N, C-alpha and C. Protein backbone atom coordinates (compact mmCIF):
# COMPACT_ATOMS: atom_id res chain seq x y z
N MET A 1 16.36 35.65 0.41
CA MET A 1 16.00 34.66 -0.61
C MET A 1 14.50 34.38 -0.57
N GLU A 2 13.97 34.13 -1.74
CA GLU A 2 12.54 33.87 -1.83
C GLU A 2 12.27 32.38 -1.64
N ASN A 3 11.31 32.09 -0.79
CA ASN A 3 10.93 30.70 -0.55
C ASN A 3 10.12 30.18 -1.74
N LYS A 4 10.38 28.95 -2.17
CA LYS A 4 9.68 28.40 -3.33
C LYS A 4 8.19 28.26 -3.06
N LEU A 5 7.80 27.97 -1.82
CA LEU A 5 6.38 27.81 -1.50
C LEU A 5 5.63 29.14 -1.57
N GLU A 6 6.34 30.24 -1.40
CA GLU A 6 5.70 31.54 -1.39
C GLU A 6 5.69 32.21 -2.77
N SER A 7 6.27 31.59 -3.75
CA SER A 7 6.32 32.19 -5.08
C SER A 7 4.94 32.15 -5.73
N ARG A 8 4.71 33.04 -6.67
CA ARG A 8 3.41 33.14 -7.33
C ARG A 8 3.29 32.23 -8.55
N ARG A 9 4.40 31.64 -8.98
CA ARG A 9 4.37 30.78 -10.16
C ARG A 9 3.62 29.48 -9.86
N PRO A 10 2.85 28.96 -10.81
CA PRO A 10 2.16 27.69 -10.57
C PRO A 10 3.16 26.54 -10.50
N SER A 11 2.80 25.53 -9.74
CA SER A 11 3.70 24.39 -9.59
C SER A 11 3.68 23.51 -10.83
N VAL A 12 4.60 22.57 -10.88
CA VAL A 12 4.68 21.64 -12.01
C VAL A 12 3.41 20.81 -12.10
N TRP A 13 2.87 20.40 -10.95
CA TRP A 13 1.66 19.56 -10.96
C TRP A 13 0.47 20.30 -11.52
N SER A 14 0.29 21.54 -11.17
CA SER A 14 -0.87 22.28 -11.65
C SER A 14 -0.78 22.54 -13.15
N MET A 15 0.42 22.51 -13.71
CA MET A 15 0.56 22.70 -15.15
C MET A 15 0.38 21.39 -15.91
N GLN A 16 0.66 20.24 -15.29
CA GLN A 16 0.65 18.97 -16.02
C GLN A 16 -0.67 18.20 -15.89
N VAL A 17 -1.33 18.28 -14.75
CA VAL A 17 -2.52 17.46 -14.53
C VAL A 17 -3.71 18.11 -15.22
N ARG A 18 -4.26 17.43 -16.21
CA ARG A 18 -5.38 17.96 -16.98
C ARG A 18 -6.52 16.94 -17.11
N ALA A 19 -6.53 15.90 -16.29
CA ALA A 19 -7.54 14.84 -16.42
C ALA A 19 -8.86 15.28 -15.79
N PRO A 20 -9.98 14.95 -16.42
CA PRO A 20 -11.29 15.24 -15.81
C PRO A 20 -11.51 14.38 -14.56
N PHE A 21 -12.20 14.94 -13.60
CA PHE A 21 -12.36 14.28 -12.30
C PHE A 21 -13.10 12.95 -12.43
N LYS A 22 -14.15 12.90 -13.26
CA LYS A 22 -14.92 11.66 -13.40
C LYS A 22 -14.08 10.53 -13.97
N LYS A 23 -13.17 10.84 -14.90
CA LYS A 23 -12.31 9.81 -15.48
C LYS A 23 -11.32 9.31 -14.44
N VAL A 24 -10.81 10.20 -13.60
CA VAL A 24 -9.89 9.79 -12.53
C VAL A 24 -10.59 8.85 -11.56
N ILE A 25 -11.82 9.18 -11.17
CA ILE A 25 -12.58 8.34 -10.26
C ILE A 25 -12.90 6.99 -10.90
N ALA A 26 -13.22 6.98 -12.19
CA ALA A 26 -13.53 5.73 -12.88
C ALA A 26 -12.31 4.80 -12.89
N PHE A 27 -11.13 5.33 -13.21
CA PHE A 27 -9.93 4.51 -13.20
C PHE A 27 -9.59 4.06 -11.79
N ASP A 28 -9.81 4.92 -10.81
CA ASP A 28 -9.54 4.57 -9.43
C ASP A 28 -10.41 3.40 -9.00
N LEU A 29 -11.70 3.45 -9.31
CA LEU A 29 -12.60 2.36 -8.95
C LEU A 29 -12.28 1.08 -9.72
N LEU A 30 -11.89 1.21 -10.98
CA LEU A 30 -11.53 0.04 -11.77
C LEU A 30 -10.35 -0.70 -11.14
N PHE A 31 -9.29 0.04 -10.82
CA PHE A 31 -8.11 -0.62 -10.26
C PHE A 31 -8.33 -1.05 -8.82
N LEU A 32 -9.21 -0.37 -8.09
CA LEU A 32 -9.57 -0.82 -6.75
C LEU A 32 -10.28 -2.17 -6.82
N GLY A 33 -11.19 -2.32 -7.79
CA GLY A 33 -11.88 -3.59 -7.97
C GLY A 33 -10.94 -4.70 -8.40
N LEU A 34 -10.03 -4.40 -9.33
CA LEU A 34 -9.05 -5.40 -9.76
C LEU A 34 -8.16 -5.83 -8.59
N GLY A 35 -7.74 -4.88 -7.79
CA GLY A 35 -6.89 -5.20 -6.64
C GLY A 35 -7.63 -6.03 -5.61
N ALA A 36 -8.92 -5.74 -5.41
CA ALA A 36 -9.71 -6.53 -4.47
C ALA A 36 -9.86 -7.97 -4.95
N MET A 37 -10.07 -8.16 -6.26
CA MET A 37 -10.20 -9.52 -6.79
C MET A 37 -8.88 -10.28 -6.69
N ILE A 38 -7.78 -9.62 -7.00
CA ILE A 38 -6.47 -10.28 -6.89
C ILE A 38 -6.17 -10.61 -5.43
N GLY A 39 -6.48 -9.69 -4.54
CA GLY A 39 -6.26 -9.94 -3.11
C GLY A 39 -7.11 -11.08 -2.59
N ALA A 40 -8.37 -11.16 -3.06
CA ALA A 40 -9.23 -12.27 -2.65
C ALA A 40 -8.69 -13.59 -3.17
N GLY A 41 -8.17 -13.59 -4.38
CA GLY A 41 -7.59 -14.81 -4.93
C GLY A 41 -6.37 -15.26 -4.16
N ILE A 42 -5.51 -14.32 -3.79
CA ILE A 42 -4.32 -14.67 -3.00
C ILE A 42 -4.73 -15.19 -1.64
N LEU A 43 -5.70 -14.53 -1.00
CA LEU A 43 -6.17 -14.97 0.31
C LEU A 43 -6.77 -16.37 0.24
N THR A 44 -7.55 -16.64 -0.80
CA THR A 44 -8.14 -17.96 -0.99
C THR A 44 -7.05 -19.02 -1.18
N ALA A 45 -6.03 -18.70 -1.97
CA ALA A 45 -4.93 -19.64 -2.19
C ALA A 45 -4.18 -19.93 -0.90
N ILE A 46 -3.99 -18.93 -0.05
CA ILE A 46 -3.28 -19.13 1.20
C ILE A 46 -4.11 -19.97 2.17
N LEU A 47 -5.42 -19.71 2.22
CA LEU A 47 -6.28 -20.43 3.16
C LEU A 47 -6.46 -21.89 2.77
N HIS A 48 -6.31 -22.24 1.51
CA HIS A 48 -6.52 -23.62 1.06
C HIS A 48 -5.24 -24.44 1.03
N LEU A 49 -4.16 -23.92 1.59
CA LEU A 49 -2.91 -24.70 1.63
C LEU A 49 -3.00 -25.78 2.69
């Protein structure tokens, strides 16, 4: 039997992912910043109880 990892066919991910690298990094930084602000707000709320 042929192992799926050894096959020459491209994987599903390589066929579906078509986003430019700069756009991926921009969205990553955007959501990282939003998460940091939300986390800081939660931390501030907990410390002021």
